[in-house]
Amino acid sequence: MVRFPMRPHRLLTCALIAVVLAVVATGAPNPSAAQAVSTCASRPDAPRLDHAVLIVRDLDAASARFASLGFRLKQGRLHDDSLLNRHIKFRDGTGIELMSVAGRPGSAMARNYARRLETGEGGATAALRFDDLERLGAAAHAAALAAQSTRLGGWQFFSVAESPGGGALFFLRGGTSVADADSLVAHAAGSGSLAGAWIEAGPKVDQLLEAVGAFRCDEVRLPDG
């Protein structure tokens, strides 16, 4: 398991554990967690955490739960493949995406989320921003990982397949930078960033991540032990 190095933050562990556990900067400081994170500094060219996707059956109920914790939510939209989303945006550009399936799933991604929802809600994927997808493709090939690159508008996505963990993350580049209004990023909980994500994956995924600049920097124990 590779933990991505992040800048020191105040941490609150959200109890939404499945494949991905998102750690959100908020609340009172956790000295041991902050100390562990501060000992890690990523290289400038390494992948960086962009957002985590949490799949939920009832988007309104999930949004209300996050709102009750002091988070502001940005309205998403119903996509052509029946994916419906909302966002929690942070000042540094990271975020959490709440995702639901509202109707007949019309894409491979929507069908995948629908299958996952059959066994429960929670973390689905972590998205890492990385511009050098050619290097990423070479690293996936060297790790004997099946990979797929797709384009959607101005975005390009890169995903790998491995049981059980390849589907727990994907890479992205492109898109347009949106400056969200202060009313959307000034959370009552004091949150400023998505500080980290834990990914359930195998050694091939570790090899891929390390080949593009990630490295092992500490050991962590998940809340479930």
Protein backbone atom coordinates (compact mmCIF):
# COMPACT_ATOMS: atom_id res chain seq x y z
CA MET A 1 0.00 0.00 0.00
CA VAL A 2 1.42 3.38 -0.99
CA ARG A 3 0.49 6.50 0.86
CA PHE A 4 0.85 9.66 -1.15
CA PRO A 5 2.86 12.42 0.55
CA MET A 6 0.81 15.50 1.32
CA ARG A 7 1.39 18.83 3.05
CA PRO A 8 0.66 18.99 6.82
CA HIS A 9 -2.97 19.67 7.64
CA ARG A 10 -5.44 19.32 10.46
CA LEU A 11 -7.15 16.02 9.99
CA LEU A 12 -10.60 14.58 10.55
CA THR A 13 -11.19 11.01 9.44
CA CYS A 14 -14.55 10.67 7.72
CA ALA A 15 -16.35 7.41 8.48
CA LEU A 16 -16.98 6.50 4.87
CA ILE A 17 -14.74 3.49 4.45
CA ALA A 18 -14.89 1.14 1.47
CA VAL A 19 -12.16 1.04 -1.13
CA VAL A 20 -11.05 4.61 -0.47
CA LEU A 21 -10.88 6.40 2.88
CA ALA A 22 -10.69 10.13 2.40
CA VAL A 23 -8.93 12.22 5.04
CA VAL A 24 -10.26 15.76 5.16
CA ALA A 25 -8.54 18.76 6.72
CA THR A 26 -10.78 20.08 9.45
CA GLY A 27 -11.38 20.45 13.17
CA ALA A 28 -8.84 20.17 15.97
CA PRO A 29 -5.28 19.12 15.12
CA ASN A 30 -4.30 15.48 15.33
CA PRO A 31 -0.60 15.70 16.33
CA SER A 32 0.39 12.15 15.41
CA ALA A 33 -1.28 12.32 11.99
CA ALA A 34 0.07 15.79 11.23
CA GLN A 35 3.58 14.71 12.24
CA ALA A 36 3.41 11.64 9.99
CA VAL A 37 2.26 13.68 7.00
CA SER A 38 4.83 16.43 7.55
CA THR A 39 7.71 13.97 7.24
CA CYS A 40 6.75 13.38 3.60
CA ALA A 41 7.40 15.79 0.75
CA SER A 42 6.56 14.78 -2.80
CA ARG A 43 8.60 15.65 -5.86
CA PRO A 44 7.16 18.44 -8.01
CA ASP A 45 6.57 16.03 -10.91
CA ALA A 46 4.80 13.34 -8.83
CA PRO A 47 1.05 12.68 -9.15
CA ARG A 48 -1.01 14.83 -6.78
CA LEU A 49 -4.33 14.06 -5.19
CA ASP A 50 -7.19 15.79 -7.00
CA HIS A 51 -10.38 14.36 -5.51
CA ALA A 52 -12.02 11.29 -4.03
CA VAL A 53 -15.30 9.83 -5.31
CA LEU A 54 -17.83 8.56 -2.77
CA ILE A 55 -20.78 6.63 -4.17
CA VAL A 56 -24.13 6.98 -2.43
CA ARG A 57 -27.63 5.68 -3.05
CA ASP A 58 -29.46 8.83 -1.95
CA LEU A 59 -27.60 11.94 -3.05
CA ASP A 60 -29.87 14.32 -1.14
CA ALA A 61 -29.48 12.38 2.12
CA ALA A 62 -25.70 12.14 1.73
CA SER A 63 -25.48 15.86 0.94
CA ALA A 64 -27.54 16.67 4.03
CA ARG A 65 -25.19 14.58 6.16
CA PHE A 66 -22.12 16.46 4.92
CA ALA A 67 -23.92 19.78 5.30
CA SER A 68 -24.70 18.92 8.93
CA LEU A 69 -20.94 18.48 9.48
CA GLY A 70 -20.31 22.02 8.24
CA PHE A 71 -19.45 21.39 4.59
CA ARG A 72 -20.78 23.47 1.73
CA LEU A 73 -21.81 21.60 -1.40
CA LYS A 74 -21.68 22.60 -5.04
CA GLN A 75 -24.48 21.41 -7.28
CA GLY A 76 -23.45 18.94 -9.95
CA ARG A 77 -25.58 17.73 -12.83
CA LEU A 78 -27.27 14.69 -14.29
CA HIS A 79 -24.97 13.25 -16.94
CA ASP A 80 -26.09 11.46 -20.09
CA ASP A 81 -25.11 8.08 -18.59
CA SER A 82 -27.37 8.65 -15.51
CA LEU A 83 -24.57 9.64 -13.14
CA LEU A 84 -25.66 12.42 -10.79
CA ASN A 85 -23.12 14.25 -8.64
CA ARG A 86 -22.41 17.01 -6.14
CA HIS A 87 -19.07 18.38 -4.99
CA ILE A 88 -17.31 19.51 -1.85
CA LYS A 89 -14.61 21.89 -3.04
CA PHE A 90 -11.58 23.08 -1.08
CA ARG A 91 -9.47 26.19 -1.50
CA ASP A 92 -6.44 24.33 -2.79
CA GLY A 93 -8.41 22.75 -5.67
CA THR A 94 -8.89 19.31 -4.10
CA GLY A 95 -12.35 17.98 -3.35
CA ILE A 96 -14.79 15.19 -2.64
CA GLU A 97 -17.32 14.14 -5.28
CA LEU A 98 -20.56 12.53 -4.13
CA MET A 99 -21.80 10.28 -6.93
CA SER A 100 -25.08 8.48 -7.42
CA VAL A 101 -26.78 6.61 -10.26
CA ALA A 102 -30.14 8.15 -11.14
CA GLY A 103 -31.63 5.85 -13.77
CA ARG A 104 -30.37 3.21 -16.17
CA PRO A 105 -26.55 3.30 -16.19
CA GLY A 106 -25.41 4.22 -19.69
CA SER A 107 -21.62 3.88 -19.53
CA ALA A 108 -19.01 1.48 -18.20
CA MET A 109 -18.31 3.86 -15.33
CA ALA A 110 -21.98 4.17 -14.43
CA ARG A 111 -22.45 0.40 -14.56
CA ASN A 112 -19.40 -0.07 -12.35
CA TYR A 113 -20.77 2.37 -9.74
CA ALA A 114 -24.20 0.71 -9.91
CA ARG A 115 -22.61 -2.70 -9.21
CA ARG A 116 -20.67 -1.30 -6.29
CA LEU A 117 -23.79 0.24 -4.80
CA GLU A 118 -25.35 -3.22 -4.67
CA THR A 119 -22.92 -4.07 -1.86
CA GLY A 120 -22.92 -0.71 -0.08
CA GLU A 121 -22.05 2.96 -0.16
CA GLY A 122 -18.68 4.55 0.48
CA GLY A 123 -15.36 5.32 -1.10
CA ALA A 124 -15.04 4.29 -4.73
CA THR A 125 -12.01 5.88 -6.37
CA ALA A 126 -9.23 8.37 -5.79
CA ALA A 127 -8.37 10.67 -8.69
CA LEU A 128 -4.75 11.72 -9.12
CA ARG A 129 -3.76 14.58 -11.38
CA PHE A 130 -0.75 13.75 -13.57
CA ASP A 131 0.13 15.38 -16.86
CA ASP A 132 2.58 12.82 -18.29
CA LEU A 133 0.15 10.10 -19.34
CA GLU A 134 2.69 8.71 -21.80
CA ARG A 135 5.07 7.98 -18.93
CA LEU A 136 2.15 6.55 -17.00
CA GLY A 137 1.32 4.21 -19.88
CA ALA A 138 4.89 2.95 -20.03
CA ALA A 139 4.89 2.37 -16.27
CA ALA A 140 1.61 0.44 -16.49
CA HIS A 141 3.03 -1.74 -19.25
CA ALA A 142 6.18 -2.43 -17.21
CA ALA A 143 3.99 -3.45 -14.26
CA ALA A 144 1.91 -5.76 -16.51
CA LEU A 145 -1.24 -3.75 -15.83
CA ALA A 146 -4.01 -3.43 -18.39
CA ALA A 147 -4.63 0.27 -18.93
CA GLN A 148 -7.16 2.42 -20.71
CA SER A 149 -7.03 6.05 -21.75
CA THR A 150 -10.24 7.91 -22.59
CA ARG A 151 -11.16 11.49 -23.49
CA LEU A 152 -14.22 13.42 -22.37
CA GLY A 153 -14.39 16.98 -23.59
CA GLY A 154 -11.22 18.73 -22.44
CA TRP A 155 -10.40 15.94 -19.99
CA GLN A 156 -8.26 12.87 -20.49
CA PHE A 157 -8.55 9.95 -18.07
CA PHE A 158 -6.19 7.05 -17.51
CA SER A 159 -7.27 3.96 -15.58
CA VAL A 160 -5.78 0.56 -14.84
CA ALA A 161 -7.39 -2.79 -14.12
CA GLU A 162 -6.20 -5.18 -11.47
CA SER A 163 -8.08 -7.31 -8.97
CA PRO A 164 -8.78 -6.13 -6.36
CA GLY A 165 -7.35 -2.64 -6.42
CA GLY A 166 -6.74 -1.22 -9.88
CA GLY A 167 -10.20 0.27 -10.01
CA ALA A 168 -9.54 2.16 -6.78
CA LEU A 169 -7.76 4.99 -8.57
CA PHE A 170 -7.52 6.78 -11.88
CA PHE A 171 -5.40 9.58 -13.29
CA LEU A 172 -6.55 12.71 -15.09
CA ARG A 173 -5.17 15.68 -16.94
CA GLY A 174 -6.62 18.66 -18.74
CA GLY A 175 -9.94 20.27 -18.05
CA THR A 176 -10.54 23.91 -17.29
CA SER A 177 -9.64 25.58 -14.02
CA VAL A 178 -12.72 26.90 -12.22
CA ALA A 179 -12.37 29.55 -9.54
CA ASP A 180 -15.15 28.61 -7.14
CA ALA A 181 -16.86 31.34 -5.18
CA ASP A 182 -15.76 31.81 -1.58
CA SER A 183 -19.24 30.76 -0.49
CA LEU A 184 -18.47 27.26 -1.81
CA VAL A 185 -14.99 26.77 -0.34
CA ALA A 186 -15.41 28.53 3.04
CA HIS A 187 -16.69 25.57 5.05
CA ALA A 188 -18.06 26.07 8.54
CA ALA A 189 -15.98 23.08 9.64
CA GLY A 190 -12.82 24.99 8.75
CA SER A 191 -11.81 22.47 6.11
CA GLY A 192 -9.13 23.54 3.67
CA SER A 193 -8.01 20.47 1.76
CA LEU A 194 -8.40 16.81 0.97
CA ALA A 195 -5.19 15.74 2.67
CA GLY A 196 -4.92 12.08 1.70
CA ALA A 197 -6.55 8.90 0.52
CA TRP A 198 -5.92 5.25 1.33
CA ILE A 199 -6.13 2.90 -1.65
CA GLU A 200 -6.71 -0.84 -1.45
CA ALA A 201 -4.51 -2.27 -4.17
CA GLY A 202 -1.90 -4.88 -4.97
CA PRO A 203 1.86 -4.78 -5.59
CA LYS A 204 1.45 -4.02 -9.30
CA VAL A 205 -0.31 -0.77 -8.45
CA ASP A 206 2.42 0.04 -5.92
CA GLN A 207 4.97 -0.52 -8.69
CA LEU A 208 3.07 1.78 -11.04
CA LEU A 209 2.80 4.57 -8.50
CA GLU A 210 6.43 4.39 -7.49
CA ALA A 211 7.48 4.45 -11.16
CA VAL A 212 5.78 7.84 -11.62
CA GLY A 213 7.16 9.48 -8.48
CA ALA A 214 5.28 8.19 -5.43
CA PHE A 215 7.24 6.67 -2.57
CA ARG A 216 6.73 4.96 0.76
CA CYS A 217 7.05 7.43 3.60
CA ASP A 218 5.31 6.04 6.68
CA GLU A 219 3.03 3.33 8.00
CA VAL A 220 -0.62 3.90 8.86
CA ARG A 221 -3.32 1.90 10.57
CA LEU A 222 -6.82 2.24 9.12
CA PRO A 223 -9.69 2.88 11.53
CA ASP A 224 -10.99 -0.67 11.06
CA GLY A 225 -7.67 -2.01 12.38
